[in-house]
C-alpha atoms as a PDB file:
ATOM      1  CA  UNK A   1      -3.324 -24.267  36.481  1.00  0.00           C
ATOM      2  CA  UNK A   2      -5.519 -22.333  34.033  1.00  0.00           C
ATOM      3  CA  UNK A   3      -9.214 -22.727  34.847  1.00  0.00           C
ATOM      4  CA  UNK A   4     -11.513 -22.802  31.805  1.00  0.00           C
ATOM      5  CA  UNK A   5     -15.293 -22.742  31.417  1.00  0.00           C
ATOM      6  CA  UNK A   6     -16.597 -24.120  28.109  1.00  0.00           C
ATOM      7  CA  UNK A   7     -19.898 -22.690  26.827  1.00  0.00           C
ATOM      8  CA  UNK A   8     -21.643 -24.156  23.778  1.00  0.00           C
ATOM      9  CA  UNK A   9     -25.180 -25.419  23.179  1.00  0.00           C
ATOM     10  CA  UNK A  10     -23.902 -28.610  21.525  1.00  0.00           C
ATOM     11  CA  UNK A  11     -22.810 -31.297  23.958  1.00  0.00           C
ATOM     12  CA  UNK A  12     -20.459 -32.927  21.460  1.00  0.00           C
ATOM     13  CA  UNK A  13     -18.660 -29.622  20.916  1.00  0.00           C
ATOM     14  CA  UNK A  14     -18.273 -29.126  24.666  1.00  0.00           C
ATOM     15  CA  UNK A  15     -16.966 -32.673  25.095  1.00  0.00           C
ATOM     16  CA  UNK A  16     -14.475 -32.213  22.268  1.00  0.00           C
ATOM     17  CA  UNK A  17     -13.183 -28.933  23.662  1.00  0.00           C
ATOM     18  CA  UNK A  18     -12.822 -30.473  27.133  1.00  0.00           C
ATOM     19  CA  UNK A  19     -10.886 -33.409  25.723  1.00  0.00           C
ATOM     20  CA  UNK A  20      -8.524 -31.122  23.811  1.00  0.00           C
ATOM     21  CA  UNK A  21      -7.899 -28.707  26.659  1.00  0.00           C
ATOM     22  CA  UNK A  22      -7.420 -31.291  29.390  1.00  0.00           C
ATOM     23  CA  UNK A  23      -4.712 -32.972  27.323  1.00  0.00           C
ATOM     24  CA  UNK A  24      -2.567 -30.032  28.468  1.00  0.00           C
ATOM     25  CA  UNK A  25      -1.011 -30.345  31.902  1.00  0.00           C
ATOM     26  CA  UNK A  26      -1.556 -26.679  32.722  1.00  0.00           C
ATOM     27  CA  UNK A  27      -5.248 -26.406  31.738  1.00  0.00           C
ATOM     28  CA  UNK A  28      -8.329 -27.748  33.506  1.00  0.00           C
ATOM     29  CA  UNK A  29     -11.972 -27.409  32.470  1.00  0.00           C
ATOM     30  CA  UNK A  30     -13.850 -26.468  35.630  1.00  0.00           C
ATOM     31  CA  UNK A  31     -17.302 -26.473  34.080  1.00  0.00           C
ATOM     32  CA  UNK A  32     -19.549 -26.559  31.036  1.00  0.00           C
ATOM     33  CA  UNK A  33     -22.627 -24.525  30.132  1.00  0.00           C
ATOM     34  CA  UNK A  34     -25.147 -24.746  27.310  1.00  0.00           C
ATOM     35  CA  UNK A  35     -26.375 -21.133  27.265  1.00  0.00           C
ATOM     36  CA  UNK A  36     -25.432 -17.654  28.375  1.00  0.00           C
ATOM     37  CA  UNK A  37     -27.487 -17.594  31.564  1.00  0.00           C
ATOM     38  CA  UNK A  38     -25.855 -20.760  32.852  1.00  0.00           C
ATOM     39  CA  UNK A  39     -22.459 -19.463  31.735  1.00  0.00           C
ATOM     40  CA  UNK A  40     -22.840 -16.335  33.841  1.00  0.00           C
ATOM     41  CA  UNK A  41     -23.997 -18.292  36.882  1.00  0.00           C
ATOM     42  CA  UNK A  42     -21.043 -20.670  36.596  1.00  0.00           C
ATOM     43  CA  UNK A  43     -18.611 -17.788  36.026  1.00  0.00           C
ATOM     44  CA  UNK A  44     -19.657 -16.281  39.350  1.00  0.00           C
ATOM     45  CA  UNK A  45     -19.601 -19.637  41.115  1.00  0.00           C
ATOM     46  CA  UNK A  46     -16.507 -21.289  39.629  1.00  0.00           C
ATOM     47  CA  UNK A  47     -14.343 -18.231  38.928  1.00  0.00           C
ATOM     48  CA  UNK A  48     -12.692 -19.489  35.716  1.00  0.00           C
ATOM     49  CA  UNK A  49      -9.687 -17.664  34.298  1.00  0.00           C
ATOM     50  CA  UNK A  50     -10.904 -18.065  30.704  1.00  0.00           C
ATOM     51  CA  UNK A  51     -14.378 -18.628  29.249  1.00  0.00           C
ATOM     52  CA  UNK A  52     -14.759 -20.124  25.787  1.00  0.00           C
ATOM     53  CA  UNK A  53     -18.099 -18.643  24.736  1.00  0.00           C
ATOM     54  CA  UNK A  54     -20.138 -19.671  21.697  1.00  0.00           C
ATOM     55  CA  UNK A  55     -21.461 -16.762  19.650  1.00  0.00           C
ATOM     56  CA  UNK A  56     -24.862 -18.223  18.831  1.00  0.00           C
ATOM     57  CA  UNK A  57     -26.904 -20.255  21.304  1.00  0.00           C
ATOM     58  CA  UNK A  58     -30.604 -20.671  22.071  1.00  0.00           C
ATOM     59  CA  UNK A  59     -31.907 -18.495  24.864  1.00  0.00           C
ATOM     60  CA  UNK A  60     -29.240 -16.103  26.107  1.00  0.00           C
ATOM     61  CA  UNK A  61     -26.490 -16.186  23.494  1.00  0.00           C
ATOM     62  CA  UNK A  62     -22.807 -15.469  23.825  1.00  0.00           C
ATOM     63  CA  UNK A  63     -22.999 -11.959  22.455  1.00  0.00           C
ATOM     64  CA  UNK A  64     -25.593 -10.929  24.981  1.00  0.00           C
ATOM     65  CA  UNK A  65     -23.840 -12.338  28.014  1.00  0.00           C
ATOM     66  CA  UNK A  66     -20.213 -11.533  27.085  1.00  0.00           C
ATOM     67  CA  UNK A  67     -20.099  -8.098  28.800  1.00  0.00           C
ATOM     68  CA  UNK A  68     -21.409  -9.596  32.049  1.00  0.00           C
ATOM     69  CA  UNK A  69     -18.946 -12.481  31.951  1.00  0.00           C
ATOM     70  CA  UNK A  70     -16.104  -9.991  31.433  1.00  0.00           C
ATOM     71  CA  UNK A  71     -17.439  -7.831  34.270  1.00  0.00           C
ATOM     72  CA  UNK A  72     -17.428 -10.925  36.485  1.00  0.00           C
ATOM     73  CA  UNK A  73     -13.663 -11.134  36.046  1.00  0.00           C
ATOM     74  CA  UNK A  74     -13.158 -13.795  33.366  1.00  0.00           C
ATOM     75  CA  UNK A  75     -11.286 -13.384  30.102  1.00  0.00           C
ATOM     76  CA  UNK A  76     -13.546 -14.251  27.164  1.00  0.00           C
ATOM     77  CA  UNK A  77     -12.706 -15.955  23.887  1.00  0.00           C
ATOM     78  CA  UNK A  78     -15.629 -16.128  21.472  1.00  0.00           C
ATOM     79  CA  UNK A  79     -16.194 -19.359  19.548  1.00  0.00           C
ATOM     80  CA  UNK A  80     -17.679 -19.174  16.066  1.00  0.00           C
ATOM     81  CA  UNK A  81     -18.254 -21.397  13.069  1.00  0.00           C
ATOM     82  CA  UNK A  82     -17.593 -18.566  10.610  1.00  0.00           C
ATOM     83  CA  UNK A  83     -14.350 -16.717   9.963  1.00  0.00           C
ATOM     84  CA  UNK A  84     -16.169 -13.444   9.274  1.00  0.00           C
ATOM     85  CA  UNK A  85     -18.934 -12.843  11.788  1.00  0.00           C
ATOM     86  CA  UNK A  86     -19.851  -9.222  12.318  1.00  0.00           C
ATOM     87  CA  UNK A  87     -21.452  -9.965  15.658  1.00  0.00           C
ATOM     88  CA  UNK A  88     -18.110 -10.965  17.145  1.00  0.00           C
ATOM     89  CA  UNK A  89     -17.024  -7.346  16.783  1.00  0.00           C
ATOM     90  CA  UNK A  90     -19.707  -6.392  19.291  1.00  0.00           C
ATOM     91  CA  UNK A  91     -18.228  -8.880  21.723  1.00  0.00           C
ATOM     92  CA  UNK A  92     -14.729  -7.434  21.235  1.00  0.00           C
ATOM     93  CA  UNK A  93     -16.080  -4.005  22.074  1.00  0.00           C
ATOM     94  CA  UNK A  94     -17.589  -5.487  25.222  1.00  0.00           C
ATOM     95  CA  UNK A  95     -14.187  -6.697  26.378  1.00  0.00           C
ATOM     96  CA  UNK A  96     -13.747 -10.145  24.848  1.00  0.00           C
ATOM     97  CA  UNK A  97     -10.106 -10.730  24.003  1.00  0.00           C
ATOM     98  CA  UNK A  98     -10.548 -12.506  20.695  1.00  0.00           C
ATOM     99  CA  UNK A  99     -12.217 -15.396  19.008  1.00  0.00           C
ATOM    100  CA  UNK A 100     -11.502 -18.851  17.677  1.00  0.00           C
ATOM    101  CA  UNK A 101     -13.022 -20.906  14.943  1.00  0.00           C
ATOM    102  CA  UNK A 102     -14.502 -24.167  16.171  1.00  0.00           C
ATOM    103  CA  UNK A 103     -12.191 -26.082  13.841  1.00  0.00           C
ATOM    104  CA  UNK A 104      -9.054 -24.545  15.367  1.00  0.00           C
ATOM    105  CA  UNK A 105      -6.323 -27.209  15.623  1.00  0.00           C
ATOM    106  CA  UNK A 106      -5.975 -28.635  19.152  1.00  0.00           C
ATOM    107  CA  UNK A 107      -2.470 -27.270  19.717  1.00  0.00           C
ATOM    108  CA  UNK A 108      -3.570 -23.758  18.713  1.00  0.00           C
ATOM    109  CA  UNK A 109      -6.615 -23.943  20.963  1.00  0.00           C
ATOM    110  CA  UNK A 110      -4.529 -24.719  24.031  1.00  0.00           C
ATOM    111  CA  UNK A 111      -1.977 -22.066  23.067  1.00  0.00           C
ATOM    112  CA  UNK A 112      -4.743 -19.489  22.658  1.00  0.00           C
ATOM    113  CA  UNK A 113      -6.060 -20.228  26.152  1.00  0.00           C
ATOM    114  CA  UNK A 114      -2.564 -19.807  27.596  1.00  0.00           C
ATOM    115  CA  UNK A 115      -2.073 -16.533  25.713  1.00  0.00           C
ATOM    116  CA  UNK A 116      -5.331 -15.088  26.984  1.00  0.00           C
ATOM    117  CA  UNK A 117      -4.768 -16.329  30.544  1.00  0.00           C
ATOM    118  CA  UNK A 118      -1.420 -14.527  30.513  1.00  0.00           C
ATOM    119  CA  UNK A 119      -3.226 -11.266  29.794  1.00  0.00           C
ATOM    120  CA  UNK A 120      -2.620 -10.941  26.069  1.00  0.00           C
ATOM    121  CA  UNK A 121      -5.287 -10.342  23.459  1.00  0.00           C
ATOM    122  CA  UNK A 122      -5.633 -12.573  20.423  1.00  0.00           C
ATOM    123  CA  UNK A 123      -4.725 -10.180  17.668  1.00  0.00           C
ATOM    124  CA  UNK A 124      -2.154 -12.396  16.017  1.00  0.00           C
ATOM    125  CA  UNK A 125      -4.464 -14.580  13.881  1.00  0.00           C
ATOM    126  CA  UNK A 126      -5.111 -13.022  10.479  1.00  0.00           C
ATOM    127  CA  UNK A 127      -8.796 -13.716  10.789  1.00  0.00           C
ATOM    128  CA  UNK A 128      -9.026 -11.586  13.933  1.00  0.00           C
ATOM    129  CA  UNK A 129      -7.242  -8.642  12.349  1.00  0.00           C
ATOM    130  CA  UNK A 130      -9.463  -8.924   9.261  1.00  0.00           C
ATOM    131  CA  UNK A 131     -12.620  -8.955  11.330  1.00  0.00           C
ATOM    132  CA  UNK A 132     -11.626  -5.884  13.332  1.00  0.00           C
ATOM    133  CA  UNK A 133     -10.612  -4.066  10.172  1.00  0.00           C
ATOM    134  CA  UNK A 134     -13.746  -5.020   8.251  1.00  0.00           C
ATOM    135  CA  UNK A 135     -16.323  -4.231  10.887  1.00  0.00           C
ATOM    136  CA  UNK A 136     -14.912  -1.296  12.794  1.00  0.00           C
ATOM    137  CA  UNK A 137     -17.364   1.570  12.356  1.00  0.00           C
ATOM    138  CA  UNK A 138     -15.509   4.392  10.606  1.00  0.00           C
ATOM    139  CA  UNK A 139     -18.388   6.884  10.241  1.00  0.00           C
ATOM    140  CA  UNK A 140     -17.387  10.543  10.708  1.00  0.00           C
ATOM    141  CA  UNK A 141     -18.892  10.852  14.192  1.00  0.00           C
ATOM    142  CA  UNK A 142     -17.231   7.687  15.525  1.00  0.00           C
ATOM    143  CA  UNK A 143     -13.960   8.553  13.764  1.00  0.00           C
ATOM    144  CA  UNK A 144     -13.862  11.987  15.386  1.00  0.00           C
ATOM    145  CA  UNK A 145     -14.786  10.580  18.798  1.00  0.00           C
ATOM    146  CA  UNK A 146     -12.054   7.934  18.527  1.00  0.00           C
ATOM    147  CA  UNK A 147      -9.472  10.566  17.596  1.00  0.00           C
ATOM    148  CA  UNK A 148     -10.469  12.675  20.580  1.00  0.00           C
ATOM    149  CA  UNK A 149     -10.018   9.644  22.849  1.00  0.00           C
ATOM    150  CA  UNK A 150      -6.556   9.030  21.393  1.00  0.00           C
ATOM    151  CA  UNK A 151      -5.496  12.668  21.807  1.00  0.00           C
ATOM    152  CA  UNK A 152      -3.905  12.222  25.277  1.00  0.00           C
ATOM    153  CA  UNK A 153      -1.344   9.769  23.895  1.00  0.00           C
ATOM    154  CA  UNK A 154       2.169  10.926  23.148  1.00  0.00           C
ATOM    155  CA  UNK A 155       3.436  10.546  19.577  1.00  0.00           C
ATOM    156  CA  UNK A 156       5.431   7.476  20.630  1.00  0.00           C
ATOM    157  CA  UNK A 157       2.495   5.883  22.432  1.00  0.00           C
ATOM    158  CA  UNK A 158       0.272   6.432  19.403  1.00  0.00           C
ATOM    159  CA  UNK A 159       2.919   4.904  17.139  1.00  0.00           C
ATOM    160  CA  UNK A 160       3.043   1.797  19.315  1.00  0.00           C
ATOM    161  CA  UNK A 161      -0.743   1.562  19.607  1.00  0.00           C
ATOM    162  CA  UNK A 162      -0.959   1.638  15.814  1.00  0.00           C
ATOM    163  CA  UNK A 163       1.453  -1.290  15.703  1.00  0.00           C
ATOM    164  CA  UNK A 164      -0.780  -3.126  18.173  1.00  0.00           C
ATOM    165  CA  UNK A 165      -3.712  -2.504  15.838  1.00  0.00           C
ATOM    166  CA  UNK A 166      -1.744  -4.086  13.007  1.00  0.00           C
ATOM    167  CA  UNK A 167      -1.636  -7.278  15.051  1.00  0.00           C
ATOM    168  CA  UNK A 168       1.996  -7.158  16.136  1.00  0.00           C
ATOM    169  CA  UNK A 169       3.119  -8.509  19.498  1.00  0.00           C
ATOM    170  CA  UNK A 170       5.531  -6.692  21.802  1.00  0.00           C
ATOM    171  CA  UNK A 171       8.611  -8.447  20.460  1.00  0.00           C
ATOM    172  CA  UNK A 172       7.763  -7.602  16.838  1.00  0.00           C
ATOM    173  CA  UNK A 173       6.955  -3.985  17.741  1.00  0.00           C
ATOM    174  CA  UNK A 174      10.289  -3.691  19.552  1.00  0.00           C
ATOM    175  CA  UNK A 175      12.108  -4.997  16.487  1.00  0.00           C
ATOM    176  CA  UNK A 176      10.238  -2.706  14.085  1.00  0.00           C
ATOM    177  CA  UNK A 177      10.717   0.421  16.177  1.00  0.00           C
ATOM    178  CA  UNK A 178      14.229  -0.391  17.434  1.00  0.00           C
ATOM    179  CA  UNK A 179      13.517  -0.358  21.158  1.00  0.00           C
ATOM    180  CA  UNK A 180      13.496  -2.884  23.972  1.00  0.00           C
ATOM    181  CA  UNK A 181      10.513  -5.138  24.553  1.00  0.00           C
ATOM    182  CA  UNK A 182      10.278  -3.783  28.106  1.00  0.00           C
ATOM    183  CA  UNK A 183       9.915  -0.251  26.728  1.00  0.00           C
ATOM    184  CA  UNK A 184       7.139  -1.384  24.404  1.00  0.00           C
ATOM    185  CA  UNK A 185       5.318  -3.035  27.310  1.00  0.00           C
ATOM    186  CA  UNK A 186       5.608   0.152  29.346  1.00  0.00           C
ATOM    187  CA  UNK A 187       4.181   2.280  26.523  1.00  0.00           C
ATOM    188  CA  UNK A 188       1.309  -0.161  25.979  1.00  0.00           C
ATOM    189  CA  UNK A 189       0.503  -0.158  29.687  1.00  0.00           C
ATOM    190  CA  UNK A 190       0.457   3.649  29.789  1.00  0.00           C
ATOM    191  CA  UNK A 191      -1.767   3.784  26.699  1.00  0.00           C
ATOM    192  CA  UNK A 192      -4.210   1.290  28.235  1.00  0.00           C
ATOM    193  CA  UNK A 193      -4.371   3.379  31.405  1.00  0.00           C
ATOM    194  CA  UNK A 194      -4.803   6.705  29.607  1.00  0.00           C
ATOM    195  CA  UNK A 195      -7.532   5.366  27.359  1.00  0.00           C
ATOM    196  CA  UNK A 196      -9.196   3.288  30.087  1.00  0.00           C
ATOM    197  CA  UNK A 197      -9.081   0.334  27.689  1.00  0.00           C
ATOM    198  CA  UNK A 198      -9.435  -3.175  29.057  1.00  0.00           C
ATOM    199  CA  UNK A 199      -7.053  -4.899  26.650  1.00  0.00           C
ATOM    200  CA  UNK A 200      -5.117  -4.660  23.390  1.00  0.00           C
ATOM    201  CA  UNK A 201      -8.127  -5.603  21.281  1.00  0.00           C
ATOM    202  CA  UNK A 202      -9.943  -2.513  22.474  1.00  0.00           C
ATOM    203  CA  UNK A 203      -6.879  -0.417  21.627  1.00  0.00           C
ATOM    204  CA  UNK A 204      -6.902  -1.874  18.117  1.00  0.00           C
ATOM    205  CA  UNK A 205     -10.598  -1.213  17.590  1.00  0.00           C
ATOM    206  CA  UNK A 206     -10.135   2.393  18.723  1.00  0.00           C
ATOM    207  CA  UNK A 207      -7.320   2.918  16.189  1.00  0.00           C
ATOM    208  CA  UNK A 208      -9.436   1.386  13.428  1.00  0.00           C
ATOM    209  CA  UNK A 209     -12.416   3.554  14.404  1.00  0.00           C
ATOM    210  CA  UNK A 210     -10.122   6.593  14.190  1.00  0.00           C
ATOM    211  CA  UNK A 211      -9.091   5.476  10.693  1.00  0.00           C
ATOM    212  CA  UNK A 212      -5.410   5.785  11.555  1.00  0.00           C
ATOM    213  CA  UNK A 213      -4.106   2.758   9.636  1.00  0.00           C
END
């Protein structure tokens, strides 16, 4: 059973998300919070697998608390009203694994929670790729720093990481590069370890910062 904490300052939004998620047999909402401070307290107390975290809330907002929620062991999906919100990029850098629009269809919401709970980042939606591409900082200093961080990768690992940054899943990368999916997974795992990256979103941001697409 996937344990989810829903965080939004609007009670109706929280109730709607709970209703949608609990329609799935493999998902349970273990708690709700209306601000970031309460979200962090409940993350420590309830130990959810996934936290749906609103970007903007009164008091401690989602952007501020996201790094602490991630550090507490939960996987974070940011919730936002807008499909281009530069602040979400800060959350991705802090370890959030993606974001959803609040009008995401119910089936996609539940699928996104399952995907994240399984350890995969949400790079597939076009809106996520566009946000990362649009707001990655490609100034000379950050570009050079990102390229230095990527230097330990082999040519093959870098090729696969660039495919990750394009939003492709393991199966699609395997097809494009004519290799097995297991081999792709192994290369991704080695790249994550070498770069000390928490997830595939952070790999993608690093590639964009290095201006390698």
